[in-house]
PDB file of all heavy atoms in Angstrom:
ATOM      1  N   THR A   1     125.087  93.354  92.825  1.00  0.00           N
ATOM      2  CA  THR A   1     126.216  93.324  93.759  1.00  0.00           C
ATOM      3  C   THR A   1     125.822  92.627  95.056  1.00  0.00           C
ATOM      4  O   THR A   1     126.584  91.816  95.595  1.00  0.00           O
ATOM      5  CB  THR A   1     126.706  94.748  94.049  1.00  0.00           C
ATOM      6  OG1 THR A   1     127.126  95.357  92.832  1.00  0.00           O
ATOM      7  CG2 THR A   1     127.875  94.743  95.028  1.00  0.00           C
ATOM      8  N   GLU A   2     124.637  92.934  95.558  1.00  0.00           N
ATOM      9  CA  GLU A   2     124.178  92.285  96.788  1.00  0.00           C
ATOM     10  C   GLU A   2     123.996  90.780  96.572  1.00  0.00           C
ATOM     11  O   GLU A   2     124.269  89.987  97.474  1.00  0.00           O
ATOM     12  CB  GLU A   2     122.886  92.941  97.257  1.00  0.00           C
ATOM     13  CG  GLU A   2     123.113  94.363  97.777  1.00  0.00           C
ATOM     14  CD  GLU A   2     121.833  95.088  98.113  1.00  0.00           C
ATOM     15  OE1 GLU A   2     120.773  94.722  97.560  1.00  0.00           O
ATOM     16  OE2 GLU A   2     121.889  96.042  98.923  1.00  0.00           O
ATOM     17  N   ARG A   3     123.552  90.381  95.376  1.00  0.00           N
ATOM     18  CA  ARG A   3     123.423  88.955  95.077  1.00  0.00           C
ATOM     19  C   ARG A   3     124.793  88.285  95.111  1.00  0.00           C
ATOM     20  O   ARG A   3     124.949  87.199  95.683  1.00  0.00           O
ATOM     21  CB  ARG A   3     122.778  88.766  93.701  1.00  0.00           C
ATOM     22  CG  ARG A   3     122.474  87.309  93.357  1.00  0.00           C
ATOM     23  CD  ARG A   3     122.171  87.131  91.892  1.00  0.00           C
ATOM     24  NE  ARG A   3     123.359  87.331  91.072  1.00  0.00           N
ATOM     25  CZ  ARG A   3     124.333  86.438  90.939  1.00  0.00           C
ATOM     26  NH1 ARG A   3     124.285  85.277  91.600  1.00  0.00           N
ATOM     27  NH2 ARG A   3     125.368  86.694  90.166  1.00  0.00           N
ATOM     28  N   GLN A   4     125.786  88.932  94.518  1.00  0.00           N
ATOM     29  CA  GLN A   4     127.120  88.345  94.501  1.00  0.00           C
ATOM     30  C   GLN A   4     127.750  88.323  95.894  1.00  0.00           C
ATOM     31  O   GLN A   4     128.481  87.390  96.239  1.00  0.00           O
ATOM     32  CB  GLN A   4     128.006  89.100  93.512  1.00  0.00           C
ATOM     33  CG  GLN A   4     127.600  88.897  92.066  1.00  0.00           C
ATOM     34  CD  GLN A   4     128.625  89.407  91.089  1.00  0.00           C
ATOM     35  OE1 GLN A   4     129.788  89.616  91.423  1.00  0.00           O
ATOM     36  NE2 GLN A   4     128.211  89.608  89.842  1.00  0.00           N
ATOM     37  N   THR A   5     127.462  89.340  96.686  1.00  0.00           N
ATOM     38  CA  THR A   5     127.963  89.357  98.060  1.00  0.00           C
ATOM     39  C   THR A   5     127.364  88.207  98.867  1.00  0.00           C
ATOM     40  O   THR A   5     128.065  87.528  99.628  1.00  0.00           O
ATOM     41  CB  THR A   5     127.642  90.702  98.728  1.00  0.00           C
ATOM     42  OG1 THR A   5     128.267  91.751  97.995  1.00  0.00           O
ATOM     43  CG2 THR A   5     128.160  90.743 100.161  1.00  0.00           C
ATOM     44  N   ALA A   6     126.066  87.993  98.689  1.00  0.00           N
ATOM     45  CA  ALA A   6     125.408  86.870  99.364  1.00  0.00           C
ATOM     46  C   ALA A   6     125.995  85.545  98.897  1.00  0.00           C
ATOM     47  O   ALA A   6     126.162  84.601  99.696  1.00  0.00           O
ATOM     48  CB  ALA A   6     123.905  86.916  99.112  1.00  0.00           C
ATOM     49  N   ALA A   7     126.338  85.465  97.626  1.00  0.00           N
ATOM     50  CA  ALA A   7     126.931  84.238  97.088  1.00  0.00           C
ATOM     51  C   ALA A   7     128.293  83.967  97.720  1.00  0.00           C
ATOM     52  O   ALA A   7     128.647  82.805  97.960  1.00  0.00           O
ATOM     53  CB  ALA A   7     127.054  84.336  95.578  1.00  0.00           C
ATOM     54  N   SER A   8     129.039  85.028  98.003  1.00  0.00           N
ATOM     55  CA  SER A   8     130.332  84.851  98.659  1.00  0.00           C
ATOM     56  C   SER A   8     130.160  84.194 100.025  1.00  0.00           C
ATOM     57  O   SER A   8     130.878  83.258 100.380  1.00  0.00           O
ATOM     58  CB  SER A   8     131.042  86.207  98.818  1.00  0.00           C
ATOM     59  OG  SER A   8     131.350  86.772  97.566  1.00  0.00           O
ATOM     60  N   ARG A   9     129.195  84.684 100.782  1.00  0.00           N
ATOM     61  CA  ARG A   9     128.947  84.098 102.099  1.00  0.00           C
ATOM     62  C   ARG A   9     128.398  82.676 101.971  1.00  0.00           C
ATOM     63  O   ARG A   9     128.742  81.802 102.783  1.00  0.00           O
ATOM     64  CB  ARG A   9     127.986  84.982 102.892  1.00  0.00           C
ATOM     65  CG  ARG A   9     128.597  86.323 103.296  1.00  0.00           C
ATOM     66  CD  ARG A   9     127.698  87.120 104.212  1.00  0.00           C
ATOM     67  NE  ARG A   9     128.314  88.386 104.590  1.00  0.00           N
ATOM     68  CZ  ARG A   9     129.130  88.559 105.621  1.00  0.00           C
ATOM     69  NH1 ARG A   9     129.425  87.513 106.393  1.00  0.00           N
ATOM     70  NH2 ARG A   9     129.645  89.739 105.906  1.00  0.00           N
ATOM     71  N   ALA A  10     127.580  82.445 100.958  1.00  0.00           N
ATOM     72  CA  ALA A  10     127.031  81.105 100.751  1.00  0.00           C
ATOM     73  C   ALA A  10     128.130  80.088 100.427  1.00  0.00           C
ATOM     74  O   ALA A  10     127.988  78.898 100.724  1.00  0.00           O
ATOM     75  CB  ALA A  10     125.990  81.130  99.637  1.00  0.00           C
ATOM     76  N   LYS A  11     129.228  80.565  99.840  1.00  0.00           N
ATOM     77  CA  LYS A  11     130.365  79.686  99.547  1.00  0.00           C
ATOM     78  C   LYS A  11     131.202  79.406 100.784  1.00  0.00           C
ATOM     79  O   LYS A  11     132.159  78.629 100.722  1.00  0.00           O
ATOM     80  CB  LYS A  11     131.241  80.325  98.474  1.00  0.00           C
ATOM     81  CG  LYS A  11     130.620  80.322  97.093  1.00  0.00           C
ATOM     82  CD  LYS A  11     131.530  81.032  96.098  1.00  0.00           C
ATOM     83  CE  LYS A  11     130.912  81.096  94.725  1.00  0.00           C
ATOM     84  NZ  LYS A  11     131.740  81.861  93.765  1.00  0.00           N
ATOM     85  N   GLY A  12     130.876  80.055 101.891  1.00  0.00           N
ATOM     86  CA  GLY A  12     131.593  79.814 103.130  1.00  0.00           C
ATOM     87  C   GLY A  12     132.637  80.853 103.467  1.00  0.00           C
ATOM     88  O   GLY A  12     133.368  80.703 104.450  1.00  0.00           O
ATOM     89  N   VAL A  13     132.722  81.929 102.677  1.00  0.00           N
ATOM     90  CA  VAL A  13     133.673  82.996 102.996  1.00  0.00           C
ATOM     91  C   VAL A  13     133.132  83.766 104.199  1.00  0.00           C
ATOM     92  O   VAL A  13     132.035  84.313 104.162  1.00  0.00           O
ATOM     93  CB  VAL A  13     133.881  83.938 101.795  1.00  0.00           C
ATOM     94  CG1 VAL A  13     134.811  85.081 102.175  1.00  0.00           C
ATOM     95  CG2 VAL A  13     134.428  83.164 100.603  1.00  0.00           C
ATOM     96  N   ARG A  14     133.903  83.821 105.257  1.00  0.00           N
ATOM     97  CA  ARG A  14     133.476  84.492 106.483  1.00  0.00           C
ATOM     98  C   ARG A  14     134.406  85.625 106.893  1.00  0.00           C
ATOM     99  O   ARG A  14     134.045  86.452 107.726  1.00  0.00           O
ATOM    100  CB  ARG A  14     133.378  83.471 107.633  1.00  0.00           C
ATOM    101  CG  ARG A  14     132.269  82.444 107.449  1.00  0.00           C
ATOM    102  CD  ARG A  14     130.897  83.094 107.574  1.00  0.00           C
ATOM    103  NE  ARG A  14     129.814  82.156 107.349  1.00  0.00           N
ATOM    104  CZ  ARG A  14     129.230  81.904 106.192  1.00  0.00           C
ATOM    105  NH1 ARG A  14     129.652  82.543 105.111  1.00  0.00           N
ATOM    106  NH2 ARG A  14     128.251  81.046 106.073  1.00  0.00           N
ATOM    107  N   SER A  15     135.586  85.647 106.333  1.00  0.00           N
ATOM    108  CA  SER A  15     136.537  86.708 106.668  1.00  0.00           C
ATOM    109  C   SER A  15     137.319  87.068 105.414  1.00  0.00           C
ATOM    110  O   SER A  15     137.448  86.251 104.487  1.00  0.00           O
ATOM    111  CB  SER A  15     137.475  86.266 107.784  1.00  0.00           C
ATOM    112  OG  SER A  15     138.275  85.171 107.349  1.00  0.00           O
ATOM    113  N   VAL A  16     137.809  88.279 105.410  1.00  0.00           N
ATOM    114  CA  VAL A  16     138.583  88.744 104.256  1.00  0.00           C
ATOM    115  C   VAL A  16     139.885  89.380 104.733  1.00  0.00           C
ATOM    116  O   VAL A  16     139.951  89.879 105.854  1.00  0.00           O
ATOM    117  CB  VAL A  16     137.752  89.753 103.415  1.00  0.00           C
ATOM    118  CG1 VAL A  16     136.691  89.024 102.624  1.00  0.00           C
ATOM    119  CG2 VAL A  16     137.118  90.851 104.267  1.00  0.00           C
ATOM    120  N   PRO A  17     140.938  89.296 103.924  1.00  0.00           N
ATOM    121  CA  PRO A  17     140.918  88.742 102.568  1.00  0.00           C
ATOM    122  C   PRO A  17     140.946  87.219 102.566  1.00  0.00           C
ATOM    123  O   PRO A  17     141.545  86.592 103.446  1.00  0.00           O
ATOM    124  CB  PRO A  17     142.218  89.283 101.958  1.00  0.00           C
ATOM    125  CG  PRO A  17     143.157  89.377 103.136  1.00  0.00           C
ATOM    126  CD  PRO A  17     142.285  89.811 104.289  1.00  0.00           C
ATOM    127  N   THR A  18     140.295  86.638 101.588  1.00  0.00           N
ATOM    128  CA  THR A  18     140.418  85.218 101.295  1.00  0.00           C
ATOM    129  C   THR A  18     140.918  85.099  99.863  1.00  0.00           C
ATOM    130  O   THR A  18     140.327  85.673  98.944  1.00  0.00           O
ATOM    131  CB  THR A  18     139.078  84.485 101.459  1.00  0.00           C
ATOM    132  OG1 THR A  18     138.706  84.459 102.842  1.00  0.00           O
ATOM    133  CG2 THR A  18     139.180  83.047 100.957  1.00  0.00           C
ATOM    134  N   PHE A  19     142.016  84.391  99.689  1.00  0.00           N
ATOM    135  CA  PHE A  19     142.584  84.159  98.369  1.00  0.00           C
ATOM    136  C   PHE A  19     142.213  82.755  97.912  1.00  0.00           C
ATOM    137  O   PHE A  19     142.315  81.801  98.684  1.00  0.00           O
ATOM    138  CB  PHE A  19     144.111  84.238  98.406  1.00  0.00           C
ATOM    139  CG  PHE A  19     144.674  85.537  98.895  1.00  0.00           C
ATOM    140  CD1 PHE A  19     144.871  85.764 100.250  1.00  0.00           C
ATOM    141  CD2 PHE A  19     145.017  86.545  98.002  1.00  0.00           C
ATOM    142  CE1 PHE A  19     145.410  86.961 100.709  1.00  0.00           C
ATOM    143  CE2 PHE A  19     145.555  87.746  98.448  1.00  0.00           C
ATOM    144  CZ  PHE A  19     145.749  87.952  99.803  1.00  0.00           C
ATOM    145  N   VAL A  20     141.806  82.633  96.678  1.00  0.00           N
ATOM    146  CA  VAL A  20     141.649  81.320  96.051  1.00  0.00           C
ATOM    147  C   VAL A  20     142.652  81.289  94.910  1.00  0.00           C
ATOM    148  O   VAL A  20     142.483  81.965  93.895  1.00  0.00           O
ATOM    149  CB  VAL A  20     140.218  81.073  95.550  1.00  0.00           C
ATOM    150  CG1 VAL A  20     140.117  79.687  94.919  1.00  0.00           C
ATOM    151  CG2 VAL A  20     139.218  81.204  96.697  1.00  0.00           C
ATOM    152  N   ILE A  21     143.711  80.527  95.106  1.00  0.00           N
ATOM    153  CA  ILE A  21     144.844  80.509  94.182  1.00  0.00           C
ATOM    154  C   ILE A  21     144.930  79.138  93.543  1.00  0.00           C
ATOM    155  O   ILE A  21     145.186  78.139  94.225  1.00  0.00           O
ATOM    156  CB  ILE A  21     146.155  80.853  94.913  1.00  0.00           C
ATOM    157  CG1 ILE A  21     146.048  82.230  95.571  1.00  0.00           C
ATOM    158  CG2 ILE A  21     147.334  80.802  93.943  1.00  0.00           C
ATOM    159  CD1 ILE A  21     147.247  82.613  96.425  1.00  0.00           C
ATOM    160  N   GLY A  22     144.652  79.092  92.261  1.00  0.00           N
ATOM    161  CA  GLY A  22     144.641  77.805  91.574  1.00  0.00           C
ATOM    162  C   GLY A  22     143.628  76.846  92.161  1.00  0.00           C
ATOM    163  O   GLY A  22     143.843  75.631  92.175  1.00  0.00           O
ATOM    164  N   GLY A  23     142.535  77.395  92.686  1.00  0.00           N
ATOM    165  CA  GLY A  23     141.463  76.569  93.244  1.00  0.00           C
ATOM    166  C   GLY A  23     141.586  76.278  94.721  1.00  0.00           C
ATOM    167  O   GLY A  23     140.658  75.728  95.328  1.00  0.00           O
ATOM    168  N   ALA A  24     142.708  76.626  95.337  1.00  0.00           N
ATOM    169  CA  ALA A  24     142.913  76.372  96.772  1.00  0.00           C
ATOM    170  C   ALA A  24     142.747  77.671  97.546  1.00  0.00           C
ATOM    171  O   ALA A  24     143.336  78.701  97.195  1.00  0.00           O
ATOM    172  CB  ALA A  24     144.299  75.786  97.015  1.00  0.00           C
ATOM    173  N   ALA A  25     141.955  77.631  98.618  1.00  0.00           N
ATOM    174  CA  ALA A  25     141.644  78.833  99.400  1.00  0.00           C
ATOM    175  C   ALA A  25     142.594  78.974 100.579  1.00  0.00           C
ATOM    176  O   ALA A  25     142.911  77.994 101.260  1.00  0.00           O
ATOM    177  CB  ALA A  25     140.208  78.782  99.897  1.00  0.00           C
ATOM    178  N   ILE A  26     143.044  80.219 100.796  1.00  0.00           N
ATOM    179  CA  ILE A  26     143.771  80.537 102.020  1.00  0.00           C
ATOM    180  C   ILE A  26     143.201  81.834 102.568  1.00  0.00           C
ATOM    181  O   ILE A  26     142.878  82.753 101.824  1.00  0.00           O
ATOM    182  CB  ILE A  26     145.302  80.666 101.815  1.00  0.00           C
ATOM    183  CG1 ILE A  26     145.647  81.812 100.864  1.00  0.00           C
ATOM    184  CG2 ILE A  26     145.894  79.360 101.334  1.00  0.00           C
ATOM    185  CD1 ILE A  26     147.128  82.121 100.816  1.00  0.00           C
ATOM    186  N   GLY A  27     143.052  81.885 103.889  1.00  0.00           N
ATOM    187  CA  GLY A  27     142.562  83.093 104.529  1.00  0.00           C
ATOM    188  C   GLY A  27     143.729  83.950 104.965  1.00  0.00           C
ATOM    189  O   GLY A  27     144.713  83.446 105.511  1.00  0.00           O
ATOM    190  N   GLY A  28     143.608  85.264 104.730  1.00  0.00           N
ATOM    191  CA  GLY A  28     144.708  86.143 105.106  1.00  0.00           C
ATOM    192  C   GLY A  28     145.947  85.775 104.324  1.00  0.00           C
ATOM    193  O   GLY A  28     145.932  85.708 103.104  1.00  0.00           O
ATOM    194  N   GLY A  29     147.011  85.461 105.021  1.00  0.00           N
ATOM    195  CA  GLY A  29     148.198  84.978 104.336  1.00  0.00           C
ATOM    196  C   GLY A  29     149.380  85.907 104.461  1.00  0.00           C
ATOM    197  O   GLY A  29     149.301  87.081 104.119  1.00  0.00           O
ATOM    198  N   SER A  30     150.483  85.364 104.973  1.00  0.00           N
ATOM    199  CA  SER A  30     151.748  86.091 104.973  1.00  0.00           C
ATOM    200  C   SER A  30     152.309  86.071 103.559  1.00  0.00           C
ATOM    201  O   SER A  30     151.798  85.371 102.670  1.00  0.00           O
ATOM    202  CB  SER A  30     152.739  85.432 105.932  1.00  0.00           C
ATOM    203  OG  SER A  30     153.083  84.136 105.449  1.00  0.00           O
ATOM    204  N   GLU A  31     153.384  86.817 103.331  1.00  0.00           N
ATOM    205  CA  GLU A  31     154.024  86.774 102.014  1.00  0.00           C
ATOM    206  C   GLU A  31     154.463  85.352 101.681  1.00  0.00           C
ATOM    207  O   GLU A  31     154.281  84.883 100.549  1.00  0.00           O
ATOM    208  CB  GLU A  31     155.215  87.723 101.980  1.00  0.00           C
ATOM    209  CG  GLU A  31     154.830  89.191 102.024  1.00  0.00           C
ATOM    210  CD  GLU A  31     156.045  90.107 102.055  1.00  0.00           C
ATOM    211  OE1 GLU A  31     157.058  89.769 101.405  1.00  0.00           O
ATOM    212  OE2 GLU A  31     155.986  91.147 102.738  1.00  0.00           O
ATOM    213  N   ASP A  32     155.038  84.648 102.648  1.00  0.00           N
ATOM    214  CA  ASP A  32     155.503  83.290 102.395  1.00  0.00           C
ATOM    215  C   ASP A  32     154.340  82.357 102.083  1.00  0.00           C
ATOM    216  O   ASP A  32     154.455  81.478 101.214  1.00  0.00           O
ATOM    217  CB  ASP A  32     156.285  82.760 103.593  1.00  0.00           C
ATOM    218  CG  ASP A  32     157.662  83.397 103.723  1.00  0.00           C
ATOM    219  OD1 ASP A  32     158.134  83.990 102.727  1.00  0.00           O
ATOM    220  OD2 ASP A  32     158.258  83.301 104.818  1.00  0.00           O
ATOM    221  N   GLU A  33     153.221  82.526 102.789  1.00  0.00           N
ATOM    222  CA  GLU A  33     152.068  81.662 102.543  1.00  0.00           C
ATOM    223  C   GLU A  33     151.476  81.915 101.159  1.00  0.00           C
ATOM    224  O   GLU A  33     151.084  80.976 100.458  1.00  0.00           O
ATOM    225  CB  GLU A  33     151.014  81.878 103.628  1.00  0.00           C
ATOM    226  CG  GLU A  33     151.412  81.308 104.978  1.00  0.00           C
ATOM    227  CD  GLU A  33     150.510  81.766 106.112  1.00  0.00           C
ATOM    228  OE1 GLU A  33     149.904  82.847 106.000  1.00  0.00           O
ATOM    229  OE2 GLU A  33     150.431  81.026 107.114  1.00  0.00           O
ATOM    230  N   ILE A  34     151.405  83.176 100.766  1.00  0.00           N
ATOM    231  CA  ILE A  34     150.901  83.500  99.435  1.00  0.00           C
ATOM    232  C   ILE A  34     151.838  82.933  98.372  1.00  0.00           C
ATOM    233  O   ILE A  34     151.398  82.327  97.387  1.00  0.00           O
ATOM    234  CB  ILE A  34     150.738  85.022  99.276  1.00  0.00           C
ATOM    235  CG1 ILE A  34     149.620  85.539 100.192  1.00  0.00           C
ATOM    236  CG2 ILE A  34     150.438  85.384  97.818  1.00  0.00           C
ATOM    237  CD1 ILE A  34     149.554  87.060 100.286  1.00  0.00           C
ATOM    238  N   ALA A  35     153.132  83.099  98.582  1.00  0.00           N
ATOM    239  CA  ALA A  35     154.107  82.585  97.622  1.00  0.00           C
ATOM    240  C   ALA A  35     154.024  81.063  97.516  1.00  0.00           C
ATOM    241  O   ALA A  35     154.102  80.504  96.408  1.00  0.00           O
ATOM    242  CB  ALA A  35     155.515  83.012  98.030  1.00  0.00           C
ATOM    243  N   ALA A  36     153.865  80.394  98.652  1.00  0.00           N
ATOM    244  CA  ALA A  36     153.772  78.934  98.632  1.00  0.00           C
ATOM    245  C   ALA A  36     152.528  78.473  97.881  1.00  0.00           C
ATOM    246  O   ALA A  36     152.565  77.481  97.133  1.00  0.00           O
ATOM    247  CB  ALA A  36     153.761  78.391 100.063  1.00  0.00           C
ATOM    248  N   ALA A  37     151.421  79.188  98.067  1.00  0.00           N
ATOM    249  CA  ALA A  37     150.188  78.824  97.369  1.00  0.00           C
ATOM    250  C   ALA A  37     150.329  79.009  95.867  1.00  0.00           C
ATOM    251  O   ALA A  37     149.841  78.210  95.066  1.00  0.00           O
ATOM    252  CB  ALA A  37     149.034  79.644  97.902  1.00  0.00           C
ATOM    253  N   ILE A  38     151.011  80.087  95.458  1.00  0.00           N
ATOM    254  CA  ILE A  38     151.232  80.320  94.034  1.00  0.00           C
ATOM    255  C   ILE A  38     152.153  79.237  93.452  1.00  0.00           C
ATOM    256  O   ILE A  38     151.891  78.684  92.375  1.00  0.00           O
ATOM    257  CB  ILE A  38     151.823  81.724  93.807  1.00  0.00           C
ATOM    258  CG1 ILE A  38     150.806  82.788  94.160  1.00  0.00           C
ATOM    259  CG2 ILE A  38     152.293  81.883  92.351  1.00  0.00           C
ATOM    260  CD1 ILE A  38     151.352  84.206  94.148  1.00  0.00           C
ATOM    261  N   ALA A  39     153.218  78.911  94.170  1.00  0.00           N
ATOM    262  CA  ALA A  39     154.137  77.885  93.705  1.00  0.00           C
ATOM    263  C   ALA A  39     153.437  76.536  93.568  1.00  0.00           C
ATOM    264  O   ALA A  39     153.640  75.803  92.590  1.00  0.00           O
ATOM    265  CB  ALA A  39     155.332  77.771  94.666  1.00  0.00           C
ATOM    266  N   GLN A  40     152.576  76.213  94.532  1.00  0.00           N
ATOM    267  CA  GLN A  40     151.840  74.952  94.480  1.00  0.00           C
ATOM    268  C   GLN A  40     150.891  74.930  93.288  1.00  0.00           C
ATOM    269  O   GLN A  40     150.752  73.906  92.600  1.00  0.00           O
ATOM    270  CB  GLN A  40     151.050  74.768  95.788  1.00  0.00           C
ATOM    271  CG  GLN A  40     150.195  73.505  95.844  1.00  0.00           C
ATOM    272  CD  GLN A  40     151.025  72.237  95.805  1.00  0.00           C
ATOM    273  OE1 GLN A  40     152.136  72.186  96.340  1.00  0.00           O
ATOM    274  NE2 GLN A  40     150.494  71.202  95.155  1.00  0.00           N
TER     275      GLN A  40
END
């Protein structure tokens, strides 16, 4: 688990929640932003 946590930071994740939807990352996200990312 600690290895995977370190890997998250190594990928550049610095704050949570971070969503990666269809390969595109968004930090946080309102309902509209999440919906737009899913639609895209």
